[in-house]
PDB file of N, CA and C in Angstrom:
ATOM      1  N   MET A   1     -72.154   3.599 -83.019  1.00  0.00           N
ATOM      2  CA  MET A   1     -71.556   4.552 -83.940  1.00  0.00           C
ATOM      3  C   MET A   1     -72.145   5.941 -83.679  1.00  0.00           C
ATOM      4  N   ALA A   2     -71.306   6.931 -83.677  1.00  0.00           N
ATOM      5  CA  ALA A   2     -71.734   8.311 -83.434  1.00  0.00           C
ATOM      6  C   ALA A   2     -72.484   8.856 -84.651  1.00  0.00           C
ATOM      7  N   LYS A   3     -73.506   9.623 -84.383  1.00  0.00           N
ATOM      8  CA  LYS A   3     -74.291  10.231 -85.448  1.00  0.00           C
ATOM      9  C   LYS A   3     -73.581  11.468 -85.969  1.00  0.00           C
ATOM     10  N   THR A   4     -73.794  11.748 -87.246  1.00  0.00           N
ATOM     11  CA  THR A   4     -73.290  13.001 -87.810  1.00  0.00           C
ATOM     12  C   THR A   4     -74.221  14.122 -87.354  1.00  0.00           C
ATOM     13  N   LEU A   5     -73.756  15.356 -87.507  1.00  0.00           N
ATOM     14  CA  LEU A   5     -74.610  16.495 -87.150  1.00  0.00           C
ATOM     15  C   LEU A   5     -75.869  16.521 -88.005  1.00  0.00           C
ATOM     16  N   LYS A   6     -75.734  16.124 -89.262  1.00  0.00           N
ATOM     17  CA  LYS A   6     -76.897  16.084 -90.162  1.00  0.00           C
ATOM     18  C   LYS A   6     -77.924  15.071 -89.656  1.00  0.00           C
ATOM     19  N   GLU A   7     -77.468  13.902 -89.230  1.00  0.00           N
ATOM     20  CA  GLU A   7     -78.372  12.889 -88.692  1.00  0.00           C
ATOM     21  C   GLU A   7     -79.009  13.371 -87.390  1.00  0.00           C
ATOM     22  N   LEU A   8     -78.232  14.043 -86.590  1.00  0.00           N
ATOM     23  CA  LEU A   8     -78.739  14.583 -85.331  1.00  0.00           C
ATOM     24  C   LEU A   8     -79.820  15.637 -85.590  1.00  0.00           C
ATOM     25  N   LEU A   9     -79.609  16.491 -86.565  1.00  0.00           N
ATOM     26  CA  LEU A   9     -80.628  17.490 -86.926  1.00  0.00           C
ATOM     27  C   LEU A   9     -81.909  16.827 -87.424  1.00  0.00           C
ATOM     28  N   ARG A  10     -81.752  15.758 -88.185  1.00  0.00           N
ATOM     29  CA  ARG A  10     -82.924  15.012 -88.667  1.00  0.00           C
ATOM     30  C   ARG A  10     -83.688  14.429 -87.487  1.00  0.00           C
ATOM     31  N   ASP A  11     -82.975  13.854 -86.528  1.00  0.00           N
ATOM     32  CA  ASP A  11     -83.616  13.291 -85.343  1.00  0.00           C
ATOM     33  C   ASP A  11     -84.317  14.365 -84.525  1.00  0.00           C
ATOM     34  N   ILE A  12     -83.708  15.534 -84.426  1.00  0.00           N
ATOM     35  CA  ILE A  12     -84.318  16.653 -83.695  1.00  0.00           C
ATOM     36  C   ILE A  12     -85.630  17.052 -84.351  1.00  0.00           C
ATOM     37  N   GLU A  13     -85.631  17.169 -85.656  1.00  0.00           N
ATOM     38  CA  GLU A  13     -86.856  17.569 -86.364  1.00  0.00           C
ATOM     39  C   GLU A  13     -87.954  16.517 -86.204  1.00  0.00           C
ATOM     40  N   ARG A  14     -87.592  15.266 -86.292  1.00  0.00           N
ATOM     41  CA  ARG A  14     -88.587  14.189 -86.110  1.00  0.00           C
ATOM     42  C   ARG A  14     -89.154  14.198 -84.694  1.00  0.00           C
ATOM     43  N   LYS A  15     -88.287  14.374 -83.717  1.00  0.00           N
ATOM     44  CA  LYS A  15     -88.743  14.402 -82.322  1.00  0.00           C
ATOM     45  C   LYS A  15     -89.641  15.611 -82.083  1.00  0.00           C
ATOM     46  N   ARG A  16     -89.297  16.755 -82.677  1.00  0.00           N
ATOM     47  CA  ARG A  16     -90.109  17.965 -82.538  1.00  0.00           C
ATOM     48  C   ARG A  16     -91.506  17.740 -83.134  1.00  0.00           C
ATOM     49  N   GLU A  17     -91.562  17.115 -84.303  1.00  0.00           N
ATOM     50  CA  GLU A  17     -92.854  16.836 -84.938  1.00  0.00           C
ATOM     51  C   GLU A  17     -93.690  15.884 -84.084  1.00  0.00           C
ATOM     52  N   CYS A  18     -93.043  14.861 -83.544  1.00  0.00           N
ATOM     53  CA  CYS A  18     -93.723  13.908 -82.668  1.00  0.00           C
ATOM     54  C   CYS A  18     -94.272  14.618 -81.432  1.00  0.00           C
ATOM     55  N   LEU A  19     -93.460  15.457 -80.838  1.00  0.00           N
ATOM     56  CA  LEU A  19     -93.864  16.210 -79.652  1.00  0.00           C
ATOM     57  C   LEU A  19     -95.059  17.103 -79.965  1.00  0.00           C
ATOM     58  N   ASN A  20     -95.027  17.811 -81.069  1.00  0.00           N
ATOM     59  CA  ASN A  20     -96.136  18.699 -81.435  1.00  0.00           C
ATOM     60  C   ASN A  20     -97.429  17.924 -81.653  1.00  0.00           C
ATOM     61  N   ARG A  21     -97.343  16.773 -82.327  1.00  0.00           N
ATOM     62  CA  ARG A  21     -98.544  15.948 -82.546  1.00  0.00           C
ATOM     63  C   ARG A  21     -99.098  15.446 -81.212  1.00  0.00           C
ATOM     64  N   ALA A  22     -98.206  14.981 -80.352  1.00  0.00           N
ATOM     65  CA  ALA A  22     -98.641  14.451 -79.061  1.00  0.00           C
ATOM     66  C   ALA A  22     -99.276  15.541 -78.205  1.00  0.00           C
ATOM     67  N   GLU A  23     -98.694  16.730 -78.218  1.00  0.00           N
ATOM     68  CA  GLU A  23     -99.250  17.832 -77.427  1.00  0.00           C
ATOM     69  C   GLU A  23    -100.650  18.193 -77.902  1.00  0.00           C
ATOM     70  N   LYS A  24    -100.866  18.202 -79.199  1.00  0.00           N
ATOM     71  CA  LYS A  24    -102.197  18.520 -79.734  1.00  0.00           C
ATOM     72  C   LYS A  24    -103.215  17.447 -79.355  1.00  0.00           C
ATOM     73  N   ARG A  25    -102.765  16.196 -79.333  1.00  0.00           N
ATOM     74  CA  ARG A  25    -103.656  15.080 -79.058  1.00  0.00           C
ATOM     75  C   ARG A  25    -103.893  14.865 -77.554  1.00  0.00           C
ATOM     76  N   LEU A  26    -102.840  15.019 -76.758  1.00  0.00           N
ATOM     77  CA  LEU A  26    -102.909  14.634 -75.349  1.00  0.00           C
ATOM     78  C   LEU A  26    -102.911  15.810 -74.372  1.00  0.00           C
ATOM     79  N   GLY A  27    -102.468  16.964 -74.839  1.00  0.00           N
ATOM     80  CA  GLY A  27    -102.397  18.134 -73.963  1.00  0.00           C
ATOM     81  C   GLY A  27    -101.000  18.312 -73.397  1.00  0.00           C
ATOM     82  N   ILE A  28    -100.716  19.527 -73.008  1.00  0.00           N
ATOM     83  CA  ILE A  28     -99.372  19.913 -72.571  1.00  0.00           C
ATOM     84  C   ILE A  28     -98.960  19.229 -71.266  1.00  0.00           C
ATOM     85  N   LYS A  29     -99.911  18.818 -70.445  1.00  0.00           N
ATOM     86  CA  LYS A  29     -99.590  18.244 -69.136  1.00  0.00           C
ATOM     87  C   LYS A  29     -99.455  16.721 -69.150  1.00  0.00           C
ATOM     88  N   SER A  30     -99.567  16.124 -70.313  1.00  0.00           N
ATOM     89  CA  SER A  30     -99.456  14.668 -70.431  1.00  0.00           C
ATOM     90  C   SER A  30     -98.049  14.186 -70.070  1.00  0.00           C
ATOM     91  N   LYS A  31     -97.977  13.060 -69.366  1.00  0.00           N
ATOM     92  CA  LYS A  31     -96.675  12.476 -69.028  1.00  0.00           C
ATOM     93  C   LYS A  31     -95.922  12.060 -70.289  1.00  0.00           C
ATOM     94  N   TYR A  32     -96.653  11.596 -71.290  1.00  0.00           N
ATOM     95  CA  TYR A  32     -96.034  11.211 -72.559  1.00  0.00           C
ATOM     96  C   TYR A  32     -95.401  12.432 -73.231  1.00  0.00           C
ATOM     97  N   VAL A  33     -96.119  13.545 -73.232  1.00  0.00           N
ATOM     98  CA  VAL A  33     -95.605  14.781 -73.826  1.00  0.00           C
ATOM     99  C   VAL A  33     -94.369  15.250 -73.056  1.00  0.00           C
ATOM    100  N   LEU A  34     -94.400  15.160 -71.754  1.00  0.00           N
ATOM    101  CA  LEU A  34     -93.233  15.531 -70.949  1.00  0.00           C
ATOM    102  C   LEU A  34     -92.030  14.667 -71.313  1.00  0.00           C
ATOM    103  N   LYS A  35     -92.254  13.364 -71.453  1.00  0.00           N
ATOM    104  CA  LYS A  35     -91.160  12.453 -71.811  1.00  0.00           C
ATOM    105  C   LYS A  35     -90.574  12.828 -73.176  1.00  0.00           C
ATOM    106  N   LYS A  36     -91.428  13.090 -74.146  1.00  0.00           N
ATOM    107  CA  LYS A  36     -90.949  13.456 -75.483  1.00  0.00           C
ATOM    108  C   LYS A  36     -90.220  14.796 -75.455  1.00  0.00           C
ATOM    109  N   SER A  37     -90.680  15.715 -74.625  1.00  0.00           N
ATOM    110  CA  SER A  37     -90.015  17.007 -74.478  1.00  0.00           C
ATOM    111  C   SER A  37     -88.615  16.830 -73.896  1.00  0.00           C
ATOM    112  N   GLN A  38     -88.486  15.955 -72.932  1.00  0.00           N
ATOM    113  CA  GLN A  38     -87.179  15.682 -72.336  1.00  0.00           C
ATOM    114  C   GLN A  38     -86.246  15.023 -73.349  1.00  0.00           C
ATOM    115  N   GLU A  39     -86.789  14.141 -74.169  1.00  0.00           N
ATOM    116  CA  GLU A  39     -85.981  13.502 -75.212  1.00  0.00           C
ATOM    117  C   GLU A  39     -85.495  14.540 -76.222  1.00  0.00           C
ATOM    118  N   LEU A  40     -86.373  15.472 -76.589  1.00  0.00           N
ATOM    119  CA  LEU A  40     -85.980  16.544 -77.499  1.00  0.00           C
ATOM    120  C   LEU A  40     -84.906  17.421 -76.860  1.00  0.00           C
ATOM    121  N   ASP A  41     -85.073  17.743 -75.591  1.00  0.00           N
ATOM    122  CA  ASP A  41     -84.059  18.532 -74.875  1.00  0.00           C
ATOM    123  C   ASP A  41     -82.698  17.847 -74.918  1.00  0.00           C
ATOM    124  N   ALA A  42     -82.679  16.539 -74.721  1.00  0.00           N
ATOM    125  CA  ALA A  42     -81.420  15.797 -74.737  1.00  0.00           C
ATOM    126  C   ALA A  42     -80.761  15.874 -76.113  1.00  0.00           C
ATOM    127  N   LEU A  43     -81.563  15.748 -77.165  1.00  0.00           N
ATOM    128  CA  LEU A  43     -81.018  15.860 -78.520  1.00  0.00           C
ATOM    129  C   LEU A  43     -80.470  17.266 -78.778  1.00  0.00           C
ATOM    130  N   LEU A  44     -81.211  18.279 -78.344  1.00  0.00           N
ATOM    131  CA  LEU A  44     -80.762  19.660 -78.532  1.00  0.00           C
ATOM    132  C   LEU A  44     -79.482  19.940 -77.756  1.00  0.00           C
ATOM    133  N   ASN A  45     -79.395  19.399 -76.545  1.00  0.00           N
ATOM    134  CA  ASN A  45     -78.186  19.570 -75.746  1.00  0.00           C
ATOM    135  C   ASN A  45     -76.988  18.895 -76.410  1.00  0.00           C
ATOM    136  N   GLU A  46     -77.204  17.704 -76.944  1.00  0.00           N
ATOM    137  CA  GLU A  46     -76.125  17.000 -77.641  1.00  0.00           C
ATOM    138  C   GLU A  46     -75.668  17.799 -78.864  1.00  0.00           C
ATOM    139  N   TYR A  47     -76.629  18.322 -79.619  1.00  0.00           N
ATOM    140  CA  TYR A  47     -76.290  19.116 -80.803  1.00  0.00           C
ATOM    141  C   TYR A  47     -75.491  20.357 -80.413  1.00  0.00           C
ATOM    142  N   ALA A  48     -75.950  21.048 -79.374  1.00  0.00           N
ATOM    143  CA  ALA A  48     -75.254  22.257 -78.928  1.00  0.00           C
ATOM    144  C   ALA A  48     -73.834  21.934 -78.484  1.00  0.00           C
ATOM    145  N   ALA A  49     -73.679  20.880 -77.708  1.00  0.00           N
ATOM    146  CA  ALA A  49     -72.350  20.508 -77.220  1.00  0.00           C
ATOM    147  C   ALA A  49     -71.415  20.152 -78.365  1.00  0.00           C
ATOM    148  N   ARG A  50     -71.921  19.417 -79.334  1.00  0.00           N
ATOM    149  CA  ARG A  50     -71.076  19.018 -80.459  1.00  0.00           C
ATOM    150  C   ARG A  50     -70.747  20.191 -81.360  1.00  0.00           C
ATOM    151  N   THR A  51     -71.688  21.113 -81.518  1.00  0.00           N
ATOM    152  CA  THR A  51     -71.443  22.302 -82.329  1.00  0.00           C
ATOM    153  C   THR A  51     -70.369  23.175 -81.676  1.00  0.00           C
ATOM    154  N   ILE A  52     -70.469  23.362 -80.368  1.00  0.00           N
ATOM    155  CA  ILE A  52     -69.463  24.151 -79.637  1.00  0.00           C
ATOM    156  C   ILE A  52     -68.104  23.482 -79.740  1.00  0.00           C
ATOM    157  N   ALA A  53     -68.074  22.157 -79.592  1.00  0.00           N
ATOM    158  CA  ALA A  53     -66.818  21.428 -79.683  1.00  0.00           C
ATOM    159  C   ALA A  53     -66.165  21.609 -81.063  1.00  0.00           C
ATOM    160  N   CYS A  54     -66.991  21.631 -82.098  1.00  0.00           N
ATOM    161  CA  CYS A  54     -66.452  21.831 -83.462  1.00  0.00           C
ATOM    162  C   CYS A  54     -65.878  23.240 -83.620  1.00  0.00           C
ATOM    163  N   MET A  55     -66.497  24.207 -82.997  1.00  0.00           N
ATOM    164  CA  MET A  55     -66.029  25.596 -83.104  1.00  0.00           C
ATOM    165  C   MET A  55     -64.710  25.804 -82.372  1.00  0.00           C
ATOM    166  N   GLU A  56     -64.487  25.023 -81.339  1.00  0.00           N
ATOM    167  CA  GLU A  56     -63.281  25.184 -80.536  1.00  0.00           C
ATOM    168  C   GLU A  56     -62.063  24.548 -81.185  1.00  0.00           C
ATOM    169  N   LYS A  57     -62.270  23.738 -82.185  1.00  0.00           N
ATOM    170  CA  LYS A  57     -61.135  23.064 -82.837  1.00  0.00           C
ATOM    171  C   LYS A  57     -60.377  24.005 -83.737  1.00  0.00           C
TER     172      LYS A  57
END
């Protein structure tokens, strides 16, 4: 089932918080931090694409 934009924003905020905690604990060069950053990027890209799609309707 597709997530609503509200659910997607919630997921983005949770991922951002997780990333910030991990960076403080493990450092910016950690492979785990890189993975979480990429996951956040994917969520942000999905949000941007869906927002643009809504504007074009």
